C-alpha atoms as a PDB file:
ATOM      1  CA  UNK A   1     -44.744  58.330 -19.829  1.00  0.00           C
ATOM      2  CA  UNK A   2     -45.411  54.652 -19.806  1.00  0.00           C
ATOM      3  CA  UNK A   3     -43.821  52.538 -17.173  1.00  0.00           C
ATOM      4  CA  UNK A   4     -43.274  48.919 -17.979  1.00  0.00           C
ATOM      5  CA  UNK A   5     -42.651  46.299 -15.399  1.00  0.00           C
ATOM      6  CA  UNK A   6     -40.526  43.293 -16.146  1.00  0.00           C
ATOM      7  CA  UNK A   7     -41.278  40.143 -14.264  1.00  0.00           C
ATOM      8  CA  UNK A   8     -38.698  37.410 -13.883  1.00  0.00           C
ATOM      9  CA  UNK A   9     -39.644  33.879 -13.184  1.00  0.00           C
ATOM     10  CA  UNK A  10     -37.107  31.882 -11.219  1.00  0.00           C
ATOM     11  CA  UNK A  11     -37.249  28.120 -11.480  1.00  0.00           C
ATOM     12  CA  UNK A  12     -35.907  26.215  -8.499  1.00  0.00           C
ATOM     13  CA  UNK A  13     -33.140  23.744  -9.290  1.00  0.00           C
ATOM     14  CA  UNK A  14     -33.358  20.335  -7.732  1.00  0.00           C
ATOM     15  CA  UNK A  15     -30.895  19.599  -4.975  1.00  0.00           C
ATOM     16  CA  UNK A  16     -29.713  16.360  -6.612  1.00  0.00           C
ATOM     17  CA  UNK A  17     -28.637  18.266  -9.697  1.00  0.00           C
ATOM     18  CA  UNK A  18     -26.782  20.831  -7.583  1.00  0.00           C
ATOM     19  CA  UNK A  19     -24.983  18.101  -5.657  1.00  0.00           C
ATOM     20  CA  UNK A  20     -23.914  16.411  -8.886  1.00  0.00           C
ATOM     21  CA  UNK A  21     -22.689  19.696 -10.333  1.00  0.00           C
ATOM     22  CA  UNK A  22     -20.719  20.501  -7.206  1.00  0.00           C
ATOM     23  CA  UNK A  23     -19.058  17.065  -7.262  1.00  0.00           C
ATOM     24  CA  UNK A  24     -18.146  17.423 -10.942  1.00  0.00           C
ATOM     25  CA  UNK A  25     -16.849  20.943 -10.306  1.00  0.00           C
ATOM     26  CA  UNK A  26     -14.602  19.766  -7.467  1.00  0.00           C
ATOM     27  CA  UNK A  27     -13.170  16.867  -9.473  1.00  0.00           C
ATOM     28  CA  UNK A  28     -12.535  19.103 -12.486  1.00  0.00           C
ATOM     29  CA  UNK A  29     -10.747  21.719 -10.410  1.00  0.00           C
ATOM     30  CA  UNK A  30      -8.472  19.114  -8.819  1.00  0.00           C
ATOM     31  CA  UNK A  31      -7.444  17.644 -12.137  1.00  0.00           C
ATOM     32  CA  UNK A  32      -6.973  21.076 -13.665  1.00  0.00           C
ATOM     33  CA  UNK A  33      -4.747  22.205 -10.814  1.00  0.00           C
ATOM     34  CA  UNK A  34      -2.755  18.988 -11.059  1.00  0.00           C
ATOM     35  CA  UNK A  35      -2.164  19.716 -14.751  1.00  0.00           C
ATOM     36  CA  UNK A  36      -1.043  23.248 -13.924  1.00  0.00           C
ATOM     37  CA  UNK A  37       1.295  21.866 -11.271  1.00  0.00           C
ATOM     38  CA  UNK A  38       2.876  19.453 -13.730  1.00  0.00           C
ATOM     39  CA  UNK A  39       3.357  22.264 -16.223  1.00  0.00           C
ATOM     40  CA  UNK A  40       4.884  24.516 -13.576  1.00  0.00           C
ATOM     41  CA  UNK A  41       7.297  21.749 -12.562  1.00  0.00           C
ATOM     42  CA  UNK A  42       8.417  21.280 -16.168  1.00  0.00           C
ATOM     43  CA  UNK A  43       8.831  25.013 -16.757  1.00  0.00           C
ATOM     44  CA  UNK A  44      10.695  25.426 -13.468  1.00  0.00           C
ATOM     45  CA  UNK A  45      13.084  22.634 -14.381  1.00  0.00           C
ATOM     46  CA  UNK A  46      13.734  24.201 -17.773  1.00  0.00           C
ATOM     47  CA  UNK A  47      14.501  27.556 -16.212  1.00  0.00           C
ATOM     48  CA  UNK A  48      16.717  25.949 -13.572  1.00  0.00           C
ATOM     49  CA  UNK A  49      18.763  23.912 -16.023  1.00  0.00           C
ATOM     50  CA  UNK A  50      19.099  26.953 -18.295  1.00  0.00           C
ATOM     51  CA  UNK A  51      20.444  29.067 -15.464  1.00  0.00           C
ATOM     52  CA  UNK A  52      22.837  26.314 -14.395  1.00  0.00           C
ATOM     53  CA  UNK A  53      24.185  25.974 -17.939  1.00  0.00           C
ATOM     54  CA  UNK A  54      24.482  29.723 -18.437  1.00  0.00           C
ATOM     55  CA  UNK A  55      26.300  30.236 -15.160  1.00  0.00           C
ATOM     56  CA  UNK A  56      28.650  27.324 -15.861  1.00  0.00           C
ATOM     57  CA  UNK A  57      29.535  28.697 -19.293  1.00  0.00           C
ATOM     58  CA  UNK A  58      30.146  32.114 -17.792  1.00  0.00           C
ATOM     59  CA  UNK A  59      32.427  30.596 -15.145  1.00  0.00           C
ATOM     60  CA  UNK A  60      34.288  28.559 -17.790  1.00  0.00           C
ATOM     61  CA  UNK A  61      34.866  31.703 -19.814  1.00  0.00           C
ATOM     62  CA  UNK A  62      36.318  33.477 -16.804  1.00  0.00           C
ATOM     63  CA  UNK A  63      38.450  30.567 -15.596  1.00  0.00           C
ATOM     64  CA  UNK A  64      39.162  28.052 -18.403  1.00  0.00           C
ATOM     65  CA  UNK A  65      41.461  25.878 -16.273  1.00  0.00           C
ATOM     66  CA  UNK A  66      38.506  24.864 -14.043  1.00  0.00           C
ATOM     67  CA  UNK A  67      36.398  23.599 -16.946  1.00  0.00           C
ATOM     68  CA  UNK A  68      36.350  19.918 -15.956  1.00  0.00           C
ATOM     69  CA  UNK A  69      35.362  20.661 -12.347  1.00  0.00           C
ATOM     70  CA  UNK A  70      32.662  23.087 -13.442  1.00  0.00           C
ATOM     71  CA  UNK A  71      31.300  20.659 -16.009  1.00  0.00           C
ATOM     72  CA  UNK A  72      30.969  17.811 -13.512  1.00  0.00           C
ATOM     73  CA  UNK A  73      29.323  20.083 -10.924  1.00  0.00           C
ATOM     74  CA  UNK A  74      26.968  21.409 -13.584  1.00  0.00           C
ATOM     75  CA  UNK A  75      25.896  17.890 -14.591  1.00  0.00           C
ATOM     76  CA  UNK A  76      25.230  16.917 -10.959  1.00  0.00           C
ATOM     77  CA  UNK A  77      23.209  20.082 -10.310  1.00  0.00           C
ATOM     78  CA  UNK A  78      21.192  19.647 -13.512  1.00  0.00           C
ATOM     79  CA  UNK A  79      20.463  16.020 -12.608  1.00  0.00           C
ATOM     80  CA  UNK A  80      19.187  17.086  -9.180  1.00  0.00           C
ATOM     81  CA  UNK A  81      16.937  19.745 -10.712  1.00  0.00           C
ATOM     82  CA  UNK A  82      15.556  17.269 -13.244  1.00  0.00           C
ATOM     83  CA  UNK A  83      14.967  14.690 -10.500  1.00  0.00           C
ATOM     84  CA  UNK A  84      12.930  17.137  -8.422  1.00  0.00           C
ATOM     85  CA  UNK A  85      10.947  18.194 -11.499  1.00  0.00           C
ATOM     86  CA  UNK A  86      10.222  14.579 -12.417  1.00  0.00           C
ATOM     87  CA  UNK A  87       9.060  13.918  -8.855  1.00  0.00           C
ATOM     88  CA  UNK A  88       6.703  16.928  -9.067  1.00  0.00           C
ATOM     89  CA  UNK A  89       5.289  15.811 -12.409  1.00  0.00           C
ATOM     90  CA  UNK A  90       4.704  12.257 -11.131  1.00  0.00           C
ATOM     91  CA  UNK A  91       2.897  13.548  -8.034  1.00  0.00           C
ATOM     92  CA  UNK A  92       0.688  15.810 -10.172  1.00  0.00           C
ATOM     93  CA  UNK A  93      -0.139  12.922 -12.507  1.00  0.00           C
ATOM     94  CA  UNK A  94      -1.033  10.705  -9.568  1.00  0.00           C
ATOM     95  CA  UNK A  95      -3.386  13.392  -8.268  1.00  0.00           C
ATOM     96  CA  UNK A  96      -4.948  13.887 -11.694  1.00  0.00           C
ATOM     97  CA  UNK A  97      -5.431  10.207 -12.460  1.00  0.00           C
ATOM     98  CA  UNK A  98      -6.138   8.850  -9.020  1.00  0.00           C
END
């Protein structure tokens, strides 16, 4: 039986190139995570507002005489959720662009 040996030749990479790649990698990760954070804030706000609306409609169906109070509380809660989501998106954009 013939035995063959395989020889690998490893070329050393210059340290300047490695430093540049590591800097680019770190910047890319930060911007990518900021984009994911902005997306998570938008999705979280959508889920939150959906749950608020669904619960308010359920409460209105059970107790129709409290519709005006429920509606005003629902609008305030939805505005607070949207405000927090907008704050999260702005912070993520500032991280990504700055």
